[in-house]
């Protein structure tokens, strides 16, 4: 008579529980609760804020993407929590789990679900990128150009500061960026030396500053406020110190500031590099890393 092998694994228990249905139900319930809560309460906390139209659009886009990904996160949470709760080992005995085979329904559902999510986000993201420039640099020939007149400012980066030129104010320069409120602004970003990145955080603007390249970015300001400007590209030894504050002010304050700055600029203009006899370099949308081509 044959004897049982004491080292043989015990037979898996016969479990008729529909664990898949339980996981799906728990997932739907958790997703139905978590998704609107995330969209309503977490979405408004997402940076960069609402200091510009582009910033508001970025908050909206990020809220949508977070809302779409929330059910996926809920599925992972439910799956792992259910697995740990229902299938954890209760003793030291070595017991094989129930054999698993391919489930065509799960495979089809997963492929269809993930494809729909990816295609939706691709279409949604492409559409949103074309709305008002989206706050990113588009190079010298932008595709998404907002309609209407725009206030031009040139952003000139160099080691280790940003200088701002205002062509409509006689090429006046300033070491701080002042913008009028509720205005469409066209920024031309370039560099005098290394590669920099102009990042006006609260405005939702970020554009590379490359030597000899006119990188155009659009932004529409909202109400008055202060925003932070940083260089977001490692550009040398003092890169961490390449930052300052910018200001969005109402029309009257901007005119007063511009008049004051023009007087200061007129005093220093004759001492700048003089490629022409009228004093000061002429306004250009691109500058190269040579001393005689610098903006000041």
Protein backbone atom coordinates (compact mmCIF):
# COMPACT_ATOMS: atom_id res chain seq x y z
CA UNK A 1 0.00 0.00 0.00
CA UNK A 2 1.45 3.40 -1.03
CA UNK A 3 2.11 6.01 1.64
CA UNK A 4 1.66 9.75 1.27
CA UNK A 5 4.78 11.84 0.75
CA UNK A 6 5.13 14.10 3.83
CA UNK A 7 7.03 16.70 1.79
CA UNK A 8 4.36 16.99 -0.88
CA UNK A 9 2.51 20.31 -1.03
CA UNK A 10 -1.02 20.30 0.20
CA UNK A 11 -3.75 20.52 -2.39
CA UNK A 12 -5.10 24.04 -2.89
CA UNK A 13 -8.48 24.62 -1.31
CA UNK A 14 -11.53 24.68 -3.51
CA UNK A 15 -12.64 28.34 -3.53
CA UNK A 16 -15.84 29.22 -5.39
CA UNK A 17 -15.76 32.90 -4.42
CA UNK A 18 -15.89 35.28 -7.39
CA UNK A 19 -12.90 37.40 -6.37
CA UNK A 20 -12.82 39.21 -9.72
CA UNK A 21 -16.35 40.51 -9.26
CA UNK A 22 -15.51 41.69 -5.76
CA UNK A 23 -12.45 43.56 -6.99
CA UNK A 24 -14.39 45.20 -9.83
CA UNK A 25 -17.23 46.31 -7.55
CA UNK A 26 -14.83 47.70 -4.95
CA UNK A 27 -12.90 49.45 -7.71
CA UNK A 28 -16.00 51.11 -9.17
CA UNK A 29 -17.20 52.25 -5.74
CA UNK A 30 -13.80 53.69 -4.76
CA UNK A 31 -13.33 55.36 -8.17
CA UNK A 32 -16.81 56.91 -8.03
CA UNK A 33 -15.99 58.43 -4.65
CA UNK A 34 -12.32 59.38 -5.20
CA UNK A 35 -12.44 60.84 -8.73
CA UNK A 36 -14.83 63.78 -8.05
CA UNK A 37 -13.11 64.48 -4.72
CA UNK A 38 -9.73 64.66 -6.47
CA UNK A 39 -11.10 66.86 -9.26
CA UNK A 40 -12.83 69.28 -6.89
CA UNK A 41 -10.44 69.55 -3.96
CA UNK A 42 -7.02 68.53 -5.30
CA UNK A 43 -7.31 70.03 -8.79
CA UNK A 44 -7.40 73.62 -7.61
CA UNK A 45 -4.17 73.08 -5.66
CA UNK A 46 -2.21 72.00 -8.73
CA UNK A 47 0.45 74.51 -9.91
CA UNK A 48 1.16 76.89 -11.52
CA UNK A 49 -1.96 78.83 -10.48
CA UNK A 50 -4.18 81.41 -12.14
CA UNK A 51 -1.95 84.44 -12.73
CA UNK A 52 -2.39 84.08 -16.50
CA UNK A 53 -4.74 82.47 -18.99
CA UNK A 54 -2.05 79.91 -19.81
CA UNK A 55 -1.54 79.12 -16.12
CA UNK A 56 -5.28 78.54 -15.65
CA UNK A 57 -5.33 76.25 -18.69
CA UNK A 58 -2.43 74.25 -17.30
CA UNK A 59 -4.27 73.79 -14.00
CA UNK A 60 -7.33 72.66 -15.98
CA UNK A 61 -5.27 70.22 -18.06
CA UNK A 62 -3.48 68.79 -15.03
CA UNK A 63 -6.80 68.40 -13.21
CA UNK A 64 -8.21 66.43 -16.12
CA UNK A 65 -5.15 64.18 -16.33
CA UNK A 66 -5.19 63.59 -12.58
CA UNK A 67 -8.90 62.76 -12.74
CA UNK A 68 -8.31 60.27 -15.56
CA UNK A 69 -5.47 58.57 -13.71
CA UNK A 70 -7.34 58.40 -10.39
CA UNK A 71 -9.39 55.27 -11.35
CA UNK A 72 -6.16 53.55 -12.42
CA UNK A 73 -4.62 54.31 -9.03
CA UNK A 74 -7.82 53.10 -7.34
CA UNK A 75 -7.59 49.81 -9.24
CA UNK A 76 -4.03 49.26 -8.03
CA UNK A 77 -5.00 50.08 -4.44
CA UNK A 78 -8.01 47.75 -4.49
CA UNK A 79 -6.09 44.96 -6.20
CA UNK A 80 -3.21 44.96 -3.73
CA UNK A 81 -5.40 45.52 -0.67
CA UNK A 82 -7.77 42.72 -1.67
CA UNK A 83 -4.90 40.40 -2.51
CA UNK A 84 -3.18 41.00 0.82
CA UNK A 85 -6.44 40.56 2.70
CA UNK A 86 -7.81 37.50 0.92
CA UNK A 87 -4.78 35.51 -0.16
CA UNK A 88 -2.24 35.98 2.59
CA UNK A 89 -0.73 32.83 4.12
CA UNK A 90 -2.46 31.82 7.37
CA UNK A 91 0.10 29.23 8.47
CA UNK A 92 3.59 27.97 7.81
CA UNK A 93 2.33 25.24 5.50
CA UNK A 94 3.50 25.37 1.90
CA UNK A 95 0.35 25.61 -0.18
CA UNK A 96 0.20 26.31 -3.87
CA UNK A 97 -2.24 28.96 -5.00
CA UNK A 98 -5.03 28.05 -7.39
CA UNK A 99 -3.83 27.66 -10.99
CA UNK A 100 -4.51 30.69 -13.16
CA UNK A 101 -5.21 30.65 -16.88
CA UNK A 102 -5.56 33.40 -19.42
CA UNK A 103 -8.86 35.26 -19.24
CA UNK A 104 -9.83 36.71 -22.62
CA UNK A 105 -12.39 39.08 -21.07
CA UNK A 106 -9.78 40.70 -18.78
CA UNK A 107 -7.27 40.96 -21.62
CA UNK A 108 -9.78 42.62 -23.96
CA UNK A 109 -11.04 44.94 -21.24
CA UNK A 110 -7.48 45.98 -20.34
CA UNK A 111 -6.45 46.61 -23.96
CA UNK A 112 -9.61 48.58 -24.76
CA UNK A 113 -9.48 50.58 -21.54
CA UNK A 114 -5.83 51.55 -21.79
CA UNK A 115 -6.15 52.36 -25.51
CA UNK A 116 -9.12 54.65 -24.88
CA UNK A 117 -7.25 56.45 -22.07
CA UNK A 118 -4.08 56.95 -24.12
CA UNK A 119 -5.91 58.11 -27.26
CA UNK A 120 -8.13 60.46 -25.27
CA UNK A 121 -5.18 62.06 -23.49
CA UNK A 122 -3.27 62.36 -26.78
CA UNK A 123 -6.17 64.14 -28.47
CA UNK A 124 -6.98 66.25 -25.43
CA UNK A 125 -3.34 67.24 -24.93
CA UNK A 126 -2.86 68.16 -28.59
CA UNK A 127 -5.97 70.33 -28.58
CA UNK A 128 -4.96 72.08 -25.37
CA UNK A 129 -1.41 72.72 -26.61
CA UNK A 130 -2.84 74.70 -29.51
CA UNK A 131 -4.91 76.94 -27.24
CA UNK A 132 -3.26 80.35 -26.75
CA UNK A 133 0.26 78.98 -27.11
CA UNK A 134 -0.01 76.90 -23.92
CA UNK A 135 2.82 78.85 -22.25
CA UNK A 136 5.71 77.01 -23.92
CA UNK A 137 8.32 78.29 -26.34
CA UNK A 138 7.43 77.52 -29.97
CA UNK A 139 10.66 78.57 -31.65
CA UNK A 140 10.98 81.40 -34.19
CA UNK A 141 7.93 80.25 -36.20
CA UNK A 142 5.13 79.52 -33.72
CA UNK A 143 2.21 77.39 -34.82
CA UNK A 144 -0.33 78.41 -32.17
CA UNK A 145 -0.60 82.20 -32.39
CA UNK A 146 -3.34 83.91 -30.36
CA UNK A 147 -5.39 86.45 -32.28
CA UNK A 148 -5.27 90.19 -31.66
CA UNK A 149 -2.51 92.69 -30.94
CA UNK A 150 0.25 91.78 -28.50
CA UNK A 151 2.67 93.62 -26.26
CA UNK A 152 6.19 92.54 -27.17
CA UNK A 153 9.00 91.95 -24.69
CA UNK A 154 12.38 90.42 -25.38
CA UNK A 155 13.87 88.19 -22.70
CA UNK A 156 17.68 88.21 -22.93
CA UNK A 157 19.43 85.59 -20.80
CA UNK A 158 23.10 85.64 -19.89
CA UNK A 159 25.31 84.34 -17.11
CA UNK A 160 23.72 84.92 -14.69
CA UNK A 161 20.77 87.23 -15.09
CA UNK A 162 17.78 88.03 -17.26
CA UNK A 163 17.44 91.38 -19.03
CA UNK A 164 14.16 92.54 -20.55
CA UNK A 165 13.87 94.75 -23.63
CA UNK A 166 10.73 96.64 -24.58
CA UNK A 167 10.76 97.51 -28.33
CA UNK A 168 7.56 99.57 -28.08
CA UNK A 169 9.28 101.73 -25.44
CA UNK A 170 12.28 102.62 -27.57
CA UNK A 171 14.20 99.45 -26.83
CA UNK A 172 14.30 100.28 -23.13
CA UNK A 173 15.87 97.63 -20.92
CA UNK A 174 15.14 96.55 -17.37
CA UNK A 175 16.51 93.90 -15.03
CA UNK A 176 12.97 93.18 -13.80
CA UNK A 177 10.02 92.08 -15.89
CA UNK A 178 6.99 94.34 -15.61
CA UNK A 179 3.86 93.50 -17.58
CA UNK A 180 0.50 95.29 -17.85
CA UNK A 181 -2.52 93.41 -16.49
CA UNK A 182 -5.11 91.80 -18.79
CA UNK A 183 -2.78 92.00 -21.78
CA UNK A 184 -1.67 89.58 -24.49
CA UNK A 185 2.11 89.43 -24.30
CA UNK A 186 4.53 88.09 -26.91
CA UNK A 187 7.86 87.11 -25.39
CA UNK A 188 10.97 86.64 -27.54
CA UNK A 189 13.46 84.56 -25.57
CA UNK A 190 17.14 84.40 -26.52
CA UNK A 191 20.59 84.12 -24.92
CA UNK A 192 23.93 85.88 -25.06
CA UNK A 193 26.14 82.97 -24.04
CA UNK A 194 25.14 79.57 -22.63
CA UNK A 195 21.81 77.74 -22.91
CA UNK A 196 19.35 79.02 -20.31
CA UNK A 197 15.65 78.45 -19.67
CA UNK A 198 13.25 81.28 -18.87
CA UNK A 199 10.67 80.06 -16.35
CA UNK A 200 8.02 82.49 -15.13
CA UNK A 201 6.42 80.04 -12.75
CA UNK A 202 3.08 81.61 -11.78
CA UNK A 203 2.45 82.74 -15.37
CA UNK A 204 2.78 79.17 -16.63
CA UNK A 205 5.58 80.19 -19.01
CA UNK A 206 8.71 78.14 -19.69
CA UNK A 207 10.90 78.61 -22.76
CA UNK A 208 14.50 77.70 -23.60
CA UNK A 209 16.93 80.56 -24.20
CA UNK A 210 19.44 79.52 -26.85
CA UNK A 211 22.14 81.73 -28.43
CA UNK A 212 21.07 83.05 -31.82
CA UNK A 213 17.53 81.63 -31.51
CA UNK A 214 14.32 83.63 -31.20
CA UNK A 215 12.07 81.41 -29.08
CA UNK A 216 8.56 82.88 -29.08
CA UNK A 217 6.10 82.28 -26.27
CA UNK A 218 2.68 83.84 -25.66
CA UNK A 219 0.99 84.63 -22.39
CA UNK A 220 -2.09 86.61 -21.40
CA UNK A 221 -1.80 88.21 -17.99
CA UNK A 222 -4.68 88.53 -15.55
CA UNK A 223 -4.89 90.79 -12.52
CA UNK A 224 -1.97 92.48 -10.73
CA UNK A 225 0.42 90.26 -8.82
CA UNK A 226 3.98 89.09 -8.32
CA UNK A 227 5.48 86.08 -10.08
CA UNK A 228 8.83 84.35 -9.78
CA UNK A 229 11.36 84.05 -12.59
CA UNK A 230 13.93 81.26 -12.55
CA UNK A 231 16.50 79.82 -14.91
CA UNK A 232 15.49 76.17 -15.32
CA UNK A 233 18.59 75.05 -17.25
CA UNK A 234 21.96 74.36 -15.63
CA UNK A 235 23.99 77.24 -17.07
CA UNK A 236 27.18 77.42 -15.03
CA UNK A 237 28.56 78.05 -11.58
CA UNK A 238 26.03 80.63 -10.38
CA UNK A 239 22.96 79.06 -11.97
CA UNK A 240 21.11 78.77 -8.60
CA UNK A 241 21.32 82.55 -8.18
CA UNK A 242 19.78 83.34 -11.57
CA UNK A 243 16.35 84.39 -10.39
CA UNK A 244 14.27 87.46 -9.59
CA UNK A 245 10.66 88.56 -9.30
CA UNK A 246 8.37 89.88 -12.00
CA UNK A 247 5.31 92.07 -11.62
CA UNK A 248 1.93 92.31 -13.30
CA UNK A 249 0.52 95.80 -12.67
CA UNK A 250 -2.47 97.79 -13.88
CA UNK A 251 -2.19 100.09 -16.88
CA UNK A 252 -1.59 103.29 -14.89
CA UNK A 253 1.15 101.76 -12.75
CA UNK A 254 2.80 100.29 -15.82
CA UNK A 255 2.90 103.65 -17.61
CA UNK A 256 4.39 105.30 -14.52
CA UNK A 257 7.01 102.56 -14.18
CA UNK A 258 7.88 102.74 -17.89
CA UNK A 259 8.36 106.52 -17.76
CA UNK A 260 10.70 106.17 -14.78
CA UNK A 261 12.67 103.37 -16.40
CA UNK A 262 13.05 105.29 -19.67
CA UNK A 263 14.71 108.14 -17.79
CA UNK A 264 17.11 105.74 -16.09
CA UNK A 265 17.80 103.93 -19.34
CA UNK A 266 18.50 107.19 -21.19
CA UNK A 267 21.26 107.93 -18.67
CA UNK A 268 23.08 104.64 -19.23
CA UNK A 269 22.41 104.13 -22.92
CA UNK A 270 25.43 106.18 -24.16
CA UNK A 271 27.76 103.94 -22.13
CA UNK A 272 26.58 100.69 -23.74
CA UNK A 273 28.33 98.97 -26.63
CA UNK A 274 27.97 101.21 -29.69
CA UNK A 275 27.78 99.37 -33.00
CA UNK A 276 25.98 102.45 -34.32
CA UNK A 277 26.59 106.15 -33.70
CA UNK A 278 23.21 106.71 -32.05
CA UNK A 279 24.32 104.86 -28.92
CA UNK A 280 23.26 101.43 -27.76
CA UNK A 281 22.70 98.26 -29.75
CA UNK A 282 19.64 98.25 -32.04
CA UNK A 283 16.81 95.98 -31.03
CA UNK A 284 17.18 92.47 -32.37
CA UNK A 285 15.26 89.30 -31.60
CA UNK A 286 18.42 87.19 -31.55
CA UNK A 287 21.83 87.79 -30.03
CA UNK A 288 25.00 85.77 -30.24
CA UNK A 289 27.60 85.08 -27.52
CA UNK A 290 30.02 87.81 -28.53
CA UNK A 291 30.68 90.96 -26.43
CA UNK A 292 30.03 93.35 -29.29
CA UNK A 293 26.55 91.84 -29.86
CA UNK A 294 25.35 91.96 -26.26
CA UNK A 295 22.20 93.78 -25.24
CA UNK A 296 23.72 95.30 -22.15
